[in-house]
Amino acid sequence: MTEKLTLKKLSGELETLRSQVKEMEQQLERKLESTLEKAAARLKTRIESRSSPEHGASIDAELRQQMIAEEAYLIAERRGFEGGDPGQDWIAAEMAVNNRLMQEDSSGKPAAGRKRPATKRTAAKTPAR
């Protein structure tokens, strides 16, 4: 009889511990969700502030996309179109274009020492494989 009471008591304690663990998991999930939401909001704010030109200058979204595409092409061309990742090329091009746009003054003139990317070169000018 003593053994059964002990097992019953242990079973009850185990059930209590299980419910405490479940409660802690729920608290952690809520805290994690809250933290992720805050981080996402901060990241969104940073991305928006970096992607919008400074000094009130604005640029057409289509023109910006074209500039990024041209810059990505030039990045791939500089490495001879060998290896690399087009997604990473795009990201690097986007950062370069955003930096260039932020350095332009409000009159729309490129910042000193900066040139706009050249247009795509024809396939005839690319090296033969």
Protein backbone atom coordinates (compact mmCIF):
# COMPACT_ATOMS: atom_id res chain seq x y z
CA MET A 1 0.00 0.00 0.00
CA THR A 2 2.86 2.40 0.76
CA GLU A 3 4.29 1.88 -2.73
CA LYS A 4 0.99 2.77 -4.41
CA LEU A 5 0.67 5.98 -2.40
CA THR A 6 4.19 6.99 -3.36
CA LEU A 7 3.53 6.34 -7.05
CA LYS A 8 0.28 8.28 -6.78
CA LYS A 9 2.09 11.19 -5.16
CA LEU A 10 4.88 11.11 -7.77
CA SER A 11 2.32 10.97 -10.55
CA GLY A 12 0.60 14.06 -9.15
CA GLU A 13 3.90 15.92 -8.85
CA LEU A 14 4.79 14.92 -12.40
CA GLU A 15 1.48 16.27 -13.65
CA THR A 16 2.10 19.54 -11.77
CA LEU A 17 5.55 19.83 -13.36
CA ARG A 18 4.12 19.14 -16.82
CA SER A 19 1.57 21.93 -16.45
CA GLN A 20 4.28 24.32 -15.19
CA VAL A 21 6.47 23.48 -18.19
CA LYS A 22 3.52 24.02 -20.54
CA GLU A 23 2.82 27.41 -18.94
CA MET A 24 6.48 28.41 -19.29
CA GLU A 25 6.49 27.35 -22.96
CA GLN A 26 3.43 29.52 -23.61
CA GLN A 27 5.06 32.49 -21.88
CA LEU A 28 8.22 32.02 -23.93
CA GLU A 29 6.22 31.81 -27.16
CA ARG A 30 4.40 35.04 -26.33
CA LYS A 31 7.67 36.77 -25.47
CA LEU A 32 9.31 35.46 -28.65
CA GLU A 33 6.39 36.65 -30.80
CA SER A 34 6.52 40.06 -29.18
CA THR A 35 10.28 40.32 -29.65
CA LEU A 36 10.03 39.22 -33.30
CA GLU A 37 7.29 41.76 -33.99
CA LYS A 38 9.38 44.55 -32.47
CA ALA A 39 12.46 43.47 -34.43
CA ALA A 40 10.46 43.27 -37.67
CA ALA A 41 9.08 46.76 -37.08
CA ARG A 42 12.57 48.15 -36.44
CA LEU A 43 13.93 46.39 -39.52
CA LYS A 44 11.08 47.71 -41.67
CA THR A 45 11.79 51.24 -40.43
CA ARG A 46 15.50 50.88 -41.23
CA ILE A 47 14.81 49.48 -44.70
CA GLU A 48 12.35 52.25 -45.48
CA SER A 49 14.76 54.93 -44.29
CA ARG A 50 17.61 53.48 -46.37
CA SER A 51 15.58 52.92 -49.52
CA SER A 52 14.08 56.39 -49.66
CA PRO A 53 16.35 59.11 -51.03
CA GLU A 54 17.37 61.93 -48.69
CA HIS A 55 16.94 65.66 -49.16
CA GLY A 56 13.43 65.32 -50.51
CA ALA A 57 14.69 63.97 -53.85
CA SER A 58 12.50 61.35 -55.39
CA ILE A 59 12.90 58.87 -58.18
CA ASP A 60 10.41 56.89 -60.18
CA ALA A 61 10.21 53.28 -58.96
CA GLU A 62 10.56 51.95 -62.49
CA LEU A 63 13.71 54.03 -63.10
CA ARG A 64 15.17 52.83 -59.80
CA GLN A 65 14.48 49.19 -60.75
CA GLN A 66 16.17 49.78 -64.11
CA MET A 67 19.20 51.31 -62.39
CA ILE A 68 19.42 48.31 -60.06
CA ALA A 69 19.11 45.85 -62.95
CA GLU A 70 21.89 47.63 -64.85
CA GLU A 71 24.13 47.69 -61.78
CA ALA A 72 23.51 43.97 -61.13
CA TYR A 73 24.41 43.24 -64.74
CA LEU A 74 27.65 45.19 -64.38
CA ILE A 75 28.54 43.32 -61.19
CA ALA A 76 28.08 39.99 -62.98
CA GLU A 77 29.99 41.29 -66.00
CA ARG A 78 32.96 42.35 -63.83
CA ARG A 79 33.40 38.77 -62.67
CA GLY A 80 33.02 37.47 -66.23
CA PHE A 81 29.54 36.04 -65.63
CA GLU A 82 31.22 33.10 -63.88
CA GLY A 83 29.92 31.79 -60.57
CA GLY A 84 28.23 34.18 -58.21
CA ASP A 85 24.61 34.43 -57.20
CA PRO A 86 22.16 36.63 -59.11
CA GLY A 87 20.27 37.31 -55.87
CA GLN A 88 23.42 38.54 -54.17
CA ASP A 89 24.27 40.61 -57.26
CA TRP A 90 20.84 42.21 -57.04
CA ILE A 91 21.24 42.98 -53.33
CA ALA A 92 24.68 44.51 -53.89
CA ALA A 93 23.34 46.52 -56.83
CA GLU A 94 20.38 47.74 -54.80
CA MET A 95 22.67 48.93 -52.02
CA ALA A 96 24.95 50.69 -54.53
CA VAL A 97 22.02 52.42 -56.24
CA ASN A 98 20.47 53.43 -52.92
CA ASN A 99 23.80 54.88 -51.77
CA ARG A 100 24.17 56.73 -55.05
CA LEU A 101 20.66 58.14 -54.79
CA MET A 102 21.21 59.26 -51.21
CA GLN A 103 24.37 61.10 -52.25
CA GLU A 104 22.61 63.08 -54.94
CA ASP A 105 21.70 66.60 -54.01
CA SER A 106 18.16 67.89 -54.22
CA SER A 107 18.76 69.22 -57.74
CA GLY A 108 19.11 65.67 -59.01
CA LYS A 109 22.76 66.01 -60.02
CA PRO A 110 24.98 63.02 -59.21
CA ALA A 111 27.28 63.51 -56.24
CA ALA A 112 30.84 64.57 -57.05
CA GLY A 113 32.95 61.76 -58.44
CA ARG A 114 29.97 59.47 -58.99
CA LYS A 115 28.70 58.28 -62.31
CA ARG A 116 25.43 56.63 -63.10
CA PRO A 117 25.78 52.99 -64.23
CA ALA A 118 26.36 52.41 -67.91
CA THR A 119 23.67 50.75 -69.96
CA LYS A 120 23.84 47.03 -70.73
CA ARG A 121 26.48 46.07 -73.22
CA THR A 122 25.51 43.98 -76.21
CA ALA A 123 26.06 40.23 -76.20
CA ALA A 124 28.70 40.66 -78.95
CA LYS A 125 30.98 42.42 -76.46
CA THR A 126 30.86 39.64 -73.86
CA PRO A 127 33.78 37.21 -73.83
CA ALA A 128 33.27 33.88 -75.61
CA ARG A 129 33.04 30.85 -73.32
